[in-house]
Structures are given as structure tokens and as C-alpha cells.
């Protein structure tokens, strides 16, 4: 709701700009034809409450096994936290990281009276990071983190312009991200291997407002929600220097680990500067 209120308030204040810019300017061709944009803003990483780490102790491809000690106890009874571990014990975790983003965009609009239909192709980068940590009774910590090296989307947009000068629109379409997955642990006995960076696909949707300040220059404000499916990153736990009684090794000589959440979700509030041909 705070993001929606910000957009409404900002869009209202922006209406004063086209009112002045329209003096002596033909607005009949506003938001009609090709354009290029650059932009930037902030990406907010929502708190994924309840996320955990899943285990496949016999490596049959099915996750949800319990890692048990020789005595049959749950080796991860100390639990999980939403964030990056700050110690080997489950005390405090660093919150997921918000950060700046920047992007470039190519687009085309077709104006039909006061209605506008268009398409955009966009690419850029955000530094938002999403983490989750598990804690064993050893004690030891195991942290999974991910952020987008770069991301892109292809979206449609539909809007309304009250006579030109200002456009209010909604947008949605497919999204892609090259995800930088990282794993860290305080466990120095077992060996750990992972499959590194992965490709994620999903969707992006949002809305915004744009105003013309000259015949060719427009500025805008936009909110965008992005949901990327990320289920390919796996950490393989091996013996290392651990004895055969190590909990990771009891049910087949090794264990695979992955995050319980397959989704990398972000909220973005961004400004745009566009040149229309």
C-alpha cells in the first residue's frame, strides 16, 4: 500500500508539469510511436517468512528428508532463519538486502484516441539479495544467498492519456534473470559443491505514470513486481574429512541441500527518462 500511495502522490504532482508544457505544444501525437528509456530506482526484497532449507539424504531427487544423528535426533533442530547467518548459532541473521537498480528500455506505443497500447523490452541489474540460513546442532551455519547478475523482461502495457501530456498505465509480461547463487558454511569437516549460477524465468507486472515535458522528452515513475522461478541451485554435501557417523553421510554417503522457496520476488520503484522519436 505504501508503494501504491507513493505512485499516486508522485503522479499527481507530476500533472503540473504537462499542464505547463502543453502551452503552445501539439499534444495529439504524445505517446505514439517508438521510444528509448533509461531509468533507475530502488529494489525492495520482501521478507520470505517461514523459508527453510530442504534435504535429500539418500539423493533420490526427493527433498524433505530429516538429517538425523547416530542417536536418531534431528541434526537441524536448532532451526532456520530468513537471512544470512552472523554466527554458527541461530541467534541473529542479517536481513535480506535492498538496493539500487538501473535499466534501459526500448518501447513502442500506439495511441488510439485517449487510449494507448504498447510493448517494451527492458534489461538491467539490481543488487537486492535474498538469503536463508540453516543451523545444525554441531553447531554450524549454512547460508544460501541469491541476487540477479542481470535481468530482462518483455511486457505489454495499456494506458489512458487525458488528451495527451500525461499517461497512466498498467504493464505485465515475461521476465528472465541470470541468478548469482552463493553458499557459505561454518562447517569445516564436510565437503560442499554446488552448481553456481542459474537461469530463472517468471513474470513482471506493475503500473505507473509518464508525462511529456517537451515534444520528445518524457519523465515517469513506475512500480514493478517481479517473481522469478529459481529451483535449480543445489548444494552437494560429501564426506570431506568427516567420519562415517556424520549426519550428512548416514543415509547413503552424502546429502543434497536446497532452499525451500523456489521464488525470487522483488518490488521496484523506479524513475524513467524517455526520448520519443
Protein backbone atom coordinates (compact mmCIF):
# COMPACT_ATOMS: atom_id res chain seq x y z
CA UNK A 1 0.00 0.00 0.00
CA UNK A 2 2.88 2.40 0.74
CA UNK A 3 4.28 1.88 -2.77
CA UNK A 4 0.85 2.45 -4.35
CA UNK A 5 0.35 5.64 -2.30
CA UNK A 6 3.79 6.87 -3.38
CA UNK A 7 2.93 6.37 -7.05
CA UNK A 8 -0.42 8.14 -6.73
CA UNK A 9 1.07 11.11 -4.88
CA UNK A 10 4.02 11.43 -7.25
CA UNK A 11 1.83 11.09 -10.34
CA UNK A 12 -0.48 13.81 -9.04
CA UNK A 13 2.42 16.20 -8.51
CA UNK A 14 3.72 15.40 -11.99
CA UNK A 15 0.48 16.56 -13.61
CA UNK A 16 1.57 20.16 -13.08
CA UNK A 17 4.47 19.59 -15.50
CA UNK A 18 2.45 18.67 -18.60
CA UNK A 19 -0.02 21.44 -17.86
CA UNK A 20 2.77 23.96 -18.30
CA UNK A 21 4.49 22.04 -21.09
CA UNK A 22 1.33 21.88 -23.20
CA UNK A 23 1.20 25.66 -23.66
CA UNK A 24 1.84 26.14 -27.38
CA UNK A 25 2.62 22.45 -27.92
CA UNK A 26 0.68 19.95 -30.04
CA UNK A 27 -0.22 17.03 -27.74
CA UNK A 28 -2.12 14.98 -30.34
CA UNK A 29 0.90 12.75 -31.03
CA UNK A 30 2.00 12.22 -27.44
CA UNK A 31 2.66 8.55 -26.55
CA UNK A 32 2.52 7.43 -30.16
CA UNK A 33 5.47 5.65 -31.79
CA UNK A 34 8.89 4.31 -30.77
CA UNK A 35 11.00 5.47 -27.82
CA UNK A 36 14.05 4.61 -25.73
CA UNK A 37 14.35 5.00 -21.97
CA UNK A 38 16.86 4.84 -19.18
CA UNK A 39 15.93 4.59 -15.55
CA UNK A 40 16.82 3.68 -12.03
CA UNK A 41 15.44 3.39 -8.56
CA UNK A 42 15.28 1.06 -5.62
CA UNK A 43 14.58 -2.64 -5.34
CA UNK A 44 12.96 -3.97 -2.17
CA UNK A 45 13.50 -7.61 -1.24
CA UNK A 46 10.44 -8.83 0.64
CA UNK A 47 10.85 -10.89 3.79
CA UNK A 48 10.18 -14.55 2.89
CA UNK A 49 8.88 -15.60 6.28
CA UNK A 50 9.00 -19.30 7.04
CA UNK A 51 11.61 -20.21 4.41
CA UNK A 52 13.83 -23.16 5.34
CA UNK A 53 16.44 -25.45 3.80
CA UNK A 54 15.40 -28.85 2.46
CA UNK A 55 17.48 -32.04 2.49
CA UNK A 56 17.68 -35.14 0.29
CA UNK A 57 19.69 -37.56 2.43
CA UNK A 58 19.59 -40.52 0.01
CA UNK A 59 19.92 -38.40 -3.15
CA UNK A 60 16.84 -39.83 -4.83
CA UNK A 61 15.72 -36.40 -6.03
CA UNK A 62 13.00 -36.04 -3.40
CA UNK A 63 13.59 -33.31 -0.81
CA UNK A 64 12.10 -33.16 2.66
CA UNK A 65 14.19 -35.81 4.47
CA UNK A 66 15.28 -35.24 8.05
CA UNK A 67 19.02 -35.21 8.70
CA UNK A 68 19.48 -37.34 11.81
CA UNK A 69 22.37 -38.04 14.15
CA UNK A 70 23.61 -41.56 15.04
CA UNK A 71 21.27 -41.42 18.02
CA UNK A 72 18.25 -40.59 15.80
CA UNK A 73 17.93 -36.92 16.79
CA UNK A 74 17.17 -34.13 14.33
CA UNK A 75 20.55 -32.63 13.42
CA UNK A 76 18.83 -29.35 12.45
CA UNK A 77 16.53 -28.99 15.45
CA UNK A 78 18.05 -25.53 16.12
CA UNK A 79 16.11 -24.33 13.07
CA UNK A 80 16.34 -21.77 10.31
CA UNK A 81 16.24 -18.04 9.82
CA UNK A 82 15.24 -15.72 6.98
CA UNK A 83 18.54 -14.00 6.22
CA UNK A 84 22.30 -14.53 6.31
CA UNK A 85 23.82 -16.15 9.41
CA UNK A 86 26.06 -13.99 11.58
CA UNK A 87 27.37 -16.87 13.70
CA UNK A 88 27.30 -20.67 13.89
CA UNK A 89 24.38 -20.48 16.36
CA UNK A 90 20.82 -19.48 15.48
CA UNK A 91 20.83 -16.12 17.26
CA UNK A 92 20.65 -13.28 14.75
CA UNK A 93 20.62 -13.11 10.96
CA UNK A 94 21.21 -10.17 8.65
CA UNK A 95 18.04 -9.10 6.89
CA UNK A 96 17.62 -9.55 3.15
CA UNK A 97 19.35 -6.75 1.27
CA UNK A 98 17.53 -3.97 -0.59
CA UNK A 99 19.47 -1.90 -3.10
CA UNK A 100 19.59 0.33 -6.18
CA UNK A 101 18.75 -0.78 -9.70
CA UNK A 102 19.29 0.62 -13.20
CA UNK A 103 17.97 -0.37 -16.63
CA UNK A 104 17.49 0.51 -20.30
CA UNK A 105 14.32 0.09 -22.32
CA UNK A 106 13.07 0.02 -25.92
CA UNK A 107 9.38 0.55 -26.49
CA UNK A 108 6.63 1.29 -28.96
CA UNK A 109 3.21 2.80 -28.28
CA UNK A 110 0.12 3.03 -30.45
CA UNK A 111 -2.30 5.76 -29.46
CA UNK A 112 -5.99 5.37 -30.28
CA UNK A 113 -7.79 8.46 -29.13
CA UNK A 114 -7.06 8.71 -25.43
CA UNK A 115 -6.13 5.04 -25.09
CA UNK A 116 -2.58 3.74 -25.54
CA UNK A 117 -1.38 0.19 -26.22
CA UNK A 118 2.30 -0.65 -26.33
CA UNK A 119 5.16 -3.08 -25.82
CA UNK A 120 8.51 -2.74 -24.03
CA UNK A 121 11.72 -4.76 -23.90
CA UNK A 122 13.89 -3.99 -20.89
CA UNK A 123 17.21 -5.08 -19.42
CA UNK A 124 19.15 -4.08 -16.33
CA UNK A 125 20.50 -5.01 -12.94
CA UNK A 126 19.54 -4.81 -9.28
CA UNK A 127 21.72 -5.52 -6.24
CA UNK A 128 18.91 -6.83 -3.99
CA UNK A 129 19.88 -10.05 -2.22
CA UNK A 130 17.71 -12.83 -0.75
CA UNK A 131 19.15 -15.22 1.88
CA UNK A 132 18.13 -18.08 4.15
CA UNK A 133 20.19 -19.96 6.75
CA UNK A 134 20.04 -23.34 8.47
CA UNK A 135 21.70 -24.24 11.77
CA UNK A 136 22.84 -27.68 12.88
CA UNK A 137 23.35 -28.80 16.46
CA UNK A 138 27.12 -29.13 15.90
CA UNK A 139 26.81 -26.04 15.97
CA UNK A 140 27.29 -24.86 12.38
CA UNK A 141 25.57 -22.48 9.98
CA UNK A 142 24.64 -22.99 6.31
CA UNK A 143 23.64 -19.91 4.30
CA UNK A 144 22.08 -19.71 0.81
CA UNK A 145 22.04 -16.31 -0.96
CA UNK A 146 20.94 -15.20 -4.41
CA UNK A 147 20.83 -11.99 -6.43
CA UNK A 148 20.42 -11.20 -10.11
CA UNK A 149 23.59 -10.64 -12.14
CA UNK A 150 21.27 -9.14 -14.77
CA UNK A 151 17.62 -9.42 -15.68
CA UNK A 152 15.31 -8.68 -18.59
CA UNK A 153 11.62 -8.58 -19.38
CA UNK A 154 9.30 -8.25 -22.38
CA UNK A 155 5.99 -6.68 -21.42
CA UNK A 156 2.81 -5.20 -22.83
CA UNK A 157 1.35 -2.04 -21.44
CA UNK A 158 -2.03 -0.37 -21.69
CA UNK A 159 -2.92 3.11 -20.55
CA UNK A 160 -5.06 6.20 -20.71
CA UNK A 161 -3.96 9.71 -21.60
CA UNK A 162 -6.43 12.52 -20.91
CA UNK A 163 -5.86 14.45 -24.14
CA UNK A 164 -2.09 13.92 -24.18
CA UNK A 165 0.59 15.24 -21.89
CA UNK A 166 0.20 12.55 -19.22
CA UNK A 167 -0.19 8.77 -19.43
CA UNK A 168 -1.37 6.39 -16.71
CA UNK A 169 -0.73 2.74 -17.46
CA UNK A 170 -0.51 -0.87 -16.30
CA UNK A 171 2.11 -3.29 -17.59
CA UNK A 172 2.88 -7.01 -17.46
CA UNK A 173 4.75 -9.81 -19.19
CA UNK A 174 7.52 -12.39 -19.02
CA UNK A 175 10.77 -11.92 -17.09
CA UNK A 176 14.21 -13.58 -17.05
CA UNK A 177 17.14 -13.36 -14.62
CA UNK A 178 20.66 -14.75 -14.53
CA UNK A 179 20.93 -15.56 -10.83
CA UNK A 180 24.15 -15.48 -8.84
CA UNK A 181 23.65 -18.18 -6.18
CA UNK A 182 26.11 -18.44 -3.31
CA UNK A 183 26.57 -20.85 -0.42
CA UNK A 184 28.64 -20.45 2.73
CA UNK A 185 29.04 -22.55 5.86
CA UNK A 186 30.97 -22.70 9.10
CA UNK A 187 31.18 -26.49 8.75
CA UNK A 188 34.83 -27.27 8.05
CA UNK A 189 34.57 -31.06 8.08
CA UNK A 190 32.28 -31.99 5.17
CA UNK A 191 32.92 -31.09 1.54
CA UNK A 192 30.46 -28.86 -0.32
CA UNK A 193 29.94 -28.42 -4.06
CA UNK A 194 27.24 -26.51 -5.93
CA UNK A 195 26.13 -25.73 -9.48
CA UNK A 196 26.74 -21.98 -9.27
CA UNK A 197 24.78 -19.51 -11.38
CA UNK A 198 21.36 -20.46 -12.69
CA UNK A 199 18.75 -19.17 -15.13
CA UNK A 200 15.33 -18.15 -13.80
CA UNK A 201 12.09 -17.37 -15.61
CA UNK A 202 8.92 -15.73 -14.35
CA UNK A 203 6.83 -12.62 -14.79
CA UNK A 204 6.77 -8.90 -14.02
CA UNK A 205 3.72 -6.68 -13.51
CA UNK A 206 3.02 -3.17 -12.30
CA UNK A 207 1.95 0.28 -13.34
CA UNK A 208 2.98 3.87 -13.49
CA UNK A 209 2.60 7.38 -14.83
CA UNK A 210 4.52 9.25 -17.52
CA UNK A 211 4.43 12.90 -18.57
CA UNK A 212 5.74 14.75 -21.62
CA UNK A 213 7.95 17.72 -20.78
CA UNK A 214 8.79 18.56 -24.42
CA UNK A 215 7.67 17.14 -27.76
CA UNK A 216 10.27 14.37 -27.42
CA UNK A 217 11.20 14.07 -23.75
CA UNK A 218 9.12 12.31 -21.10
CA UNK A 219 9.70 11.51 -17.43
CA UNK A 220 7.93 8.83 -15.45
CA UNK A 221 7.50 6.93 -12.22
CA UNK A 222 6.80 3.19 -12.11
CA UNK A 223 6.20 0.34 -9.69
CA UNK A 224 7.12 -3.19 -10.82
CA UNK A 225 6.70 -6.52 -9.05
CA UNK A 226 8.92 -9.35 -10.34
CA UNK A 227 8.64 -13.05 -9.50
CA UNK A 228 11.39 -15.34 -10.81
CA UNK A 229 11.27 -19.13 -10.51
CA UNK A 230 14.59 -20.40 -9.15
CA UNK A 231 14.66 -24.12 -8.34
CA UNK A 232 17.94 -25.28 -9.94
CA UNK A 233 20.53 -24.39 -7.30
CA UNK A 234 21.65 -27.45 -5.29
CA UNK A 235 24.48 -27.95 -2.79
CA UNK A 236 26.02 -31.44 -2.68
CA UNK A 237 27.43 -32.39 0.73
CA UNK A 238 30.20 -35.02 0.73
CA UNK A 239 32.47 -36.70 3.31
CA UNK A 240 35.40 -34.30 3.30
CA UNK A 241 37.26 -35.18 6.49
CA UNK A 242 34.10 -36.10 8.40
CA UNK A 243 33.76 -39.61 9.91
CA UNK A 244 31.15 -42.10 8.59
CA UNK A 245 28.97 -41.25 11.60
CA UNK A 246 28.49 -37.70 10.30
CA UNK A 247 24.72 -37.00 9.97
CA UNK A 248 25.08 -35.94 6.32
CA UNK A 249 26.60 -39.36 5.48
CA UNK A 250 24.43 -41.85 7.38
CA UNK A 251 21.80 -42.44 4.70
CA UNK A 252 23.87 -43.08 1.60
CA UNK A 253 27.22 -41.34 1.94
CA UNK A 254 26.09 -37.79 1.19
CA UNK A 255 23.22 -35.28 1.22
CA UNK A 256 21.86 -32.70 -1.21
CA UNK A 257 20.56 -29.36 0.08
CA UNK A 258 18.37 -26.67 -1.49
CA UNK A 259 16.17 -23.74 -0.49
CA UNK A 260 12.52 -24.41 0.29
CA UNK A 261 11.38 -21.36 -1.70
CA UNK A 262 11.65 -21.52 -5.48
CA UNK A 263 10.76 -17.86 -5.94
CA UNK A 264 12.95 -14.76 -6.05
CA UNK A 265 10.49 -11.88 -5.57
CA UNK A 266 11.28 -8.16 -5.68
CA UNK A 267 9.39 -4.85 -5.57
CA UNK A 268 10.83 -1.93 -7.54
CA UNK A 269 10.06 1.78 -7.53
CA UNK A 270 11.86 3.48 -10.40
CA UNK A 271 12.04 6.70 -12.33
CA UNK A 272 12.34 6.85 -16.13
CA UNK A 273 13.64 9.32 -18.68
CA UNK A 274 12.44 8.66 -22.25
CA UNK A 275 13.23 10.05 -25.69
CA UNK A 276 10.43 9.65 -28.23
CA UNK A 277 11.15 9.67 -31.94
